[in-house]
């Protein structure tokens, strides 16, 4: 089942980078959500709108090189961002023919606790490790943050480069969240560590519910159809 899910999303998870002269700097992960070239990522890794590109993964080699000395970046623009919910919608600026599965965005409230999940991302992109990694986890819980944002908690400690990648329901084979980072309730809720309590070293992570990314995508498609 995990292999089937991985194959379904093969090629969809891409590195987000910023082009500076002849070089590109890694920012985080993203994933395709529409054949017109729309991608979703987190808003916080897109601090500036200019010179953004995405780099598709290598998918036709059994053993991929750790570092890609040369990449084929595809220019993208920021279509919309919701900083409060920490999601952003990108779009490839060249007109490309993209073949991808239909109906990849799911319903984040359907899976019960203990359901099997898969996350995709480029966890060590900041260290020039450019491979997409698939990781298994289980759905540990769902919470609503102090900013009224629906979050999905899962039992895997993500790396910083994973941020912006998809969290996938294995059962439904659909994306249910956008990976946000390690789950630290003190940091997320803006609180303080109680006296005498050790700082949290969490092995849990969280993803922002895909509903916020879906809203950005639907609005963009509506606007483009009216042009």
Protein backbone atom coordinates (compact mmCIF):
# COMPACT_ATOMS: atom_id res chain seq x y z
CA UNK A 1 0.00 0.00 0.00
CA UNK A 2 2.80 2.43 0.87
CA UNK A 3 4.51 1.70 -2.43
CA UNK A 4 1.28 2.49 -4.30
CA UNK A 5 0.93 5.83 -2.52
CA UNK A 6 4.57 6.71 -3.22
CA UNK A 7 4.12 5.93 -6.92
CA UNK A 8 0.90 7.98 -7.09
CA UNK A 9 2.77 11.08 -5.89
CA UNK A 10 6.00 10.38 -7.75
CA UNK A 11 7.32 13.60 -9.21
CA UNK A 12 4.85 15.84 -7.36
CA UNK A 13 7.11 16.94 -4.49
CA UNK A 14 9.51 19.67 -5.61
CA UNK A 15 12.24 21.80 -4.09
CA UNK A 16 11.47 25.51 -3.73
CA UNK A 17 14.55 27.62 -4.43
CA UNK A 18 15.54 31.21 -5.03
CA UNK A 19 17.71 31.98 -8.05
CA UNK A 20 20.60 34.30 -7.25
CA UNK A 21 22.73 34.95 -10.31
CA UNK A 22 23.81 31.59 -11.65
CA UNK A 23 23.12 29.77 -8.38
CA UNK A 24 19.98 28.60 -6.60
CA UNK A 25 19.42 28.57 -2.85
CA UNK A 26 17.17 25.96 -1.25
CA UNK A 27 14.13 27.27 0.68
CA UNK A 28 11.96 24.22 1.38
CA UNK A 29 9.53 21.72 -0.15
CA UNK A 30 6.32 22.08 -2.16
CA UNK A 31 3.92 19.84 -4.08
CA UNK A 32 1.81 19.97 -7.22
CA UNK A 33 -1.95 20.27 -6.74
CA UNK A 34 -3.25 21.06 -10.24
CA UNK A 35 -2.19 20.23 -13.82
CA UNK A 36 -2.08 23.95 -14.68
CA UNK A 37 1.11 24.14 -12.64
CA UNK A 38 -0.19 25.19 -9.22
CA UNK A 39 1.80 24.15 -6.14
CA UNK A 40 1.25 24.51 -2.42
CA UNK A 41 3.89 25.22 0.20
CA UNK A 42 4.11 27.14 3.48
CA UNK A 43 3.96 30.93 3.52
CA UNK A 44 6.88 31.36 5.91
CA UNK A 45 9.54 29.95 3.57
CA UNK A 46 8.48 32.47 0.88
CA UNK A 47 9.73 35.69 2.46
CA UNK A 48 10.16 37.42 -0.93
CA UNK A 49 8.23 37.00 -4.16
CA UNK A 50 11.01 37.51 -6.69
CA UNK A 51 13.31 34.98 -8.40
CA UNK A 52 11.47 31.92 -7.13
CA UNK A 53 11.83 28.57 -8.88
CA UNK A 54 10.88 24.96 -8.26
CA UNK A 55 13.02 21.96 -9.13
CA UNK A 56 11.34 18.63 -9.96
CA UNK A 57 12.89 15.49 -8.45
CA UNK A 58 14.88 12.89 -10.34
CA UNK A 59 12.62 9.85 -10.58
CA UNK A 60 14.20 7.55 -13.17
CA UNK A 61 17.29 6.42 -11.27
CA UNK A 62 17.42 3.61 -8.71
CA UNK A 63 20.23 5.30 -6.76
CA UNK A 64 20.21 9.06 -7.09
CA UNK A 65 23.23 11.27 -6.47
CA UNK A 66 23.15 12.95 -3.06
CA UNK A 67 23.77 16.39 -4.56
CA UNK A 68 22.67 17.67 -7.94
CA UNK A 69 25.40 19.95 -9.24
CA UNK A 70 23.10 21.16 -12.02
CA UNK A 71 19.33 21.53 -11.87
CA UNK A 72 16.61 22.58 -14.31
CA UNK A 73 14.69 25.22 -12.35
CA UNK A 74 11.16 26.15 -13.39
CA UNK A 75 10.19 29.79 -12.62
CA UNK A 76 7.15 30.26 -10.38
CA UNK A 77 5.17 33.19 -9.09
CA UNK A 78 3.33 33.63 -5.79
CA UNK A 79 -0.39 33.58 -6.60
CA UNK A 80 -1.66 33.89 -3.03
CA UNK A 81 -0.54 33.46 0.54
CA UNK A 82 -2.29 33.17 3.87
CA UNK A 83 0.30 34.03 6.50
CA UNK A 84 -2.14 33.42 9.33
CA UNK A 85 -2.65 29.80 8.26
CA UNK A 86 0.92 29.54 6.90
CA UNK A 87 0.08 28.37 3.38
CA UNK A 88 1.05 29.77 -0.01
CA UNK A 89 -0.01 29.00 -3.56
CA UNK A 90 2.59 29.09 -6.34
CA UNK A 91 2.18 28.73 -10.10
CA UNK A 92 4.69 27.79 -12.75
CA UNK A 93 4.99 30.69 -15.17
CA UNK A 94 5.86 28.70 -18.32
CA UNK A 95 2.96 26.83 -19.90
CA UNK A 96 3.76 23.14 -19.36
CA UNK A 97 1.82 19.94 -19.92
CA UNK A 98 1.63 18.23 -16.55
CA UNK A 99 0.22 14.76 -16.11
CA UNK A 100 -0.90 14.09 -12.55
CA UNK A 101 -3.63 12.16 -10.72
CA UNK A 102 -7.00 13.78 -10.18
CA UNK A 103 -8.55 14.40 -6.79
CA UNK A 104 -5.36 14.46 -4.76
CA UNK A 105 -6.66 16.83 -2.06
CA UNK A 106 -8.52 14.99 0.68
CA UNK A 107 -10.57 15.65 3.79
CA UNK A 108 -8.33 16.07 6.84
CA UNK A 109 -11.01 15.14 9.37
CA UNK A 110 -11.79 11.66 7.95
CA UNK A 111 -8.83 9.60 9.17
CA UNK A 112 -9.02 8.32 12.77
CA UNK A 113 -6.17 8.44 15.26
CA UNK A 114 -3.73 5.68 14.44
CA UNK A 115 -4.34 5.93 10.69
CA UNK A 116 -1.29 5.41 8.54
CA UNK A 117 0.22 8.50 6.89
CA UNK A 118 3.06 9.23 4.49
CA UNK A 119 5.01 12.45 4.25
CA UNK A 120 7.14 13.60 1.34
CA UNK A 121 9.84 16.25 1.39
CA UNK A 122 13.46 17.17 0.82
CA UNK A 123 14.53 17.03 4.48
CA UNK A 124 18.22 17.85 4.03
CA UNK A 125 18.04 20.29 1.14
CA UNK A 126 19.90 22.90 3.18
CA UNK A 127 22.83 20.48 3.30
CA UNK A 128 22.77 19.92 -0.48
CA UNK A 129 21.06 16.55 -0.11
CA UNK A 130 18.55 16.93 -2.92
CA UNK A 131 16.61 13.68 -2.73
CA UNK A 132 12.89 13.44 -1.99
CA UNK A 133 12.31 11.18 1.02
CA UNK A 134 9.07 9.30 1.76
CA UNK A 135 8.46 8.58 5.46
CA UNK A 136 5.76 6.58 7.22
CA UNK A 137 3.96 7.80 10.32
CA UNK A 138 0.61 7.54 12.09
CA UNK A 139 -1.96 10.19 12.81
CA UNK A 140 -1.46 11.02 16.50
CA UNK A 141 -4.16 13.65 16.91
CA UNK A 142 -5.81 16.81 15.64
CA UNK A 143 -5.86 20.18 17.42
CA UNK A 144 -7.00 23.73 16.81
CA UNK A 145 -4.29 26.27 17.60
CA UNK A 146 -4.72 29.60 19.35
CA UNK A 147 -4.91 31.19 15.88
CA UNK A 148 -7.90 28.94 15.08
CA UNK A 149 -5.78 26.90 12.67
CA UNK A 150 -6.54 23.18 12.30
CA UNK A 151 -3.38 21.13 12.79
CA UNK A 152 -2.69 17.43 12.27
CA UNK A 153 -0.14 15.86 14.64
CA UNK A 154 1.87 12.83 13.49
CA UNK A 155 4.55 10.69 15.10
CA UNK A 156 7.64 11.59 13.13
CA UNK A 157 10.19 14.34 13.76
CA UNK A 158 10.50 16.21 10.47
CA UNK A 159 13.57 18.12 9.32
CA UNK A 160 13.51 21.78 8.34
CA UNK A 161 13.70 20.98 4.63
CA UNK A 162 10.49 18.92 4.89
CA UNK A 163 8.50 22.08 5.61
CA UNK A 164 6.04 22.73 2.78
CA UNK A 165 5.78 19.10 1.69
CA UNK A 166 2.56 17.03 1.65
CA UNK A 167 1.16 14.85 4.42
CA UNK A 168 -0.78 12.05 2.76
CA UNK A 169 -3.52 9.74 4.00
CA UNK A 170 -2.39 6.26 2.98
CA UNK A 171 -5.94 4.89 3.15
CA UNK A 172 -7.46 7.56 0.87
CA UNK A 173 -4.26 8.28 -1.11
CA UNK A 174 -4.95 12.01 -0.77
CA UNK A 175 -3.10 14.95 0.72
CA UNK A 176 -4.57 16.03 4.05
CA UNK A 177 -1.96 18.51 5.27
CA UNK A 178 1.00 20.78 4.56
CA UNK A 179 4.01 19.92 6.72
CA UNK A 180 4.68 22.75 9.16
CA UNK A 181 7.48 21.52 11.42
CA UNK A 182 8.19 19.90 14.78
CA UNK A 183 5.22 20.02 17.16
CA UNK A 184 6.19 22.19 20.12
CA UNK A 185 3.05 23.31 21.96
CA UNK A 186 4.94 26.01 23.85
CA UNK A 187 6.22 27.60 20.66
CA UNK A 188 2.96 27.18 18.74
CA UNK A 189 0.82 28.60 21.53
CA UNK A 190 3.21 31.37 22.48
CA UNK A 191 3.47 30.17 26.07
CA UNK A 192 6.29 29.61 28.54
CA UNK A 193 7.84 26.49 29.99
CA UNK A 194 6.60 26.05 33.58
CA UNK A 195 9.19 26.36 36.34
CA UNK A 196 10.94 23.08 37.08
CA UNK A 197 9.79 21.46 33.82
CA UNK A 198 12.35 20.31 31.27
CA UNK A 199 12.21 21.92 27.79
CA UNK A 200 10.30 19.90 25.23
CA UNK A 201 12.28 17.68 22.88
CA UNK A 202 9.36 16.52 20.77
CA UNK A 203 9.40 13.54 18.44
CA UNK A 204 6.05 14.67 17.03
CA UNK A 205 5.44 16.98 14.06
CA UNK A 206 2.46 18.87 12.73
CA UNK A 207 0.89 19.71 9.40
CA UNK A 208 -1.53 22.52 8.62
CA UNK A 209 -4.85 21.21 7.35
CA UNK A 210 -5.00 21.13 3.54
CA UNK A 211 -8.35 22.97 3.64
CA UNK A 212 -6.51 26.31 3.70
CA UNK A 213 -4.44 25.45 0.64
CA UNK A 214 -7.56 24.22 -1.14
CA UNK A 215 -9.25 27.56 -0.51
CA UNK A 216 -6.37 29.43 -2.14
CA UNK A 217 -6.40 27.07 -5.12
CA UNK A 218 -10.16 27.29 -5.65
CA UNK A 219 -10.06 31.10 -5.50
CA UNK A 220 -7.20 31.21 -8.04
CA UNK A 221 -8.99 28.87 -10.44
CA UNK A 222 -12.18 30.91 -10.12
CA UNK A 223 -10.32 34.13 -10.84
CA UNK A 224 -8.49 32.66 -13.85
CA UNK A 225 -11.70 31.32 -15.36
CA UNK A 226 -13.24 34.78 -15.21
CA UNK A 227 -10.40 36.47 -17.08
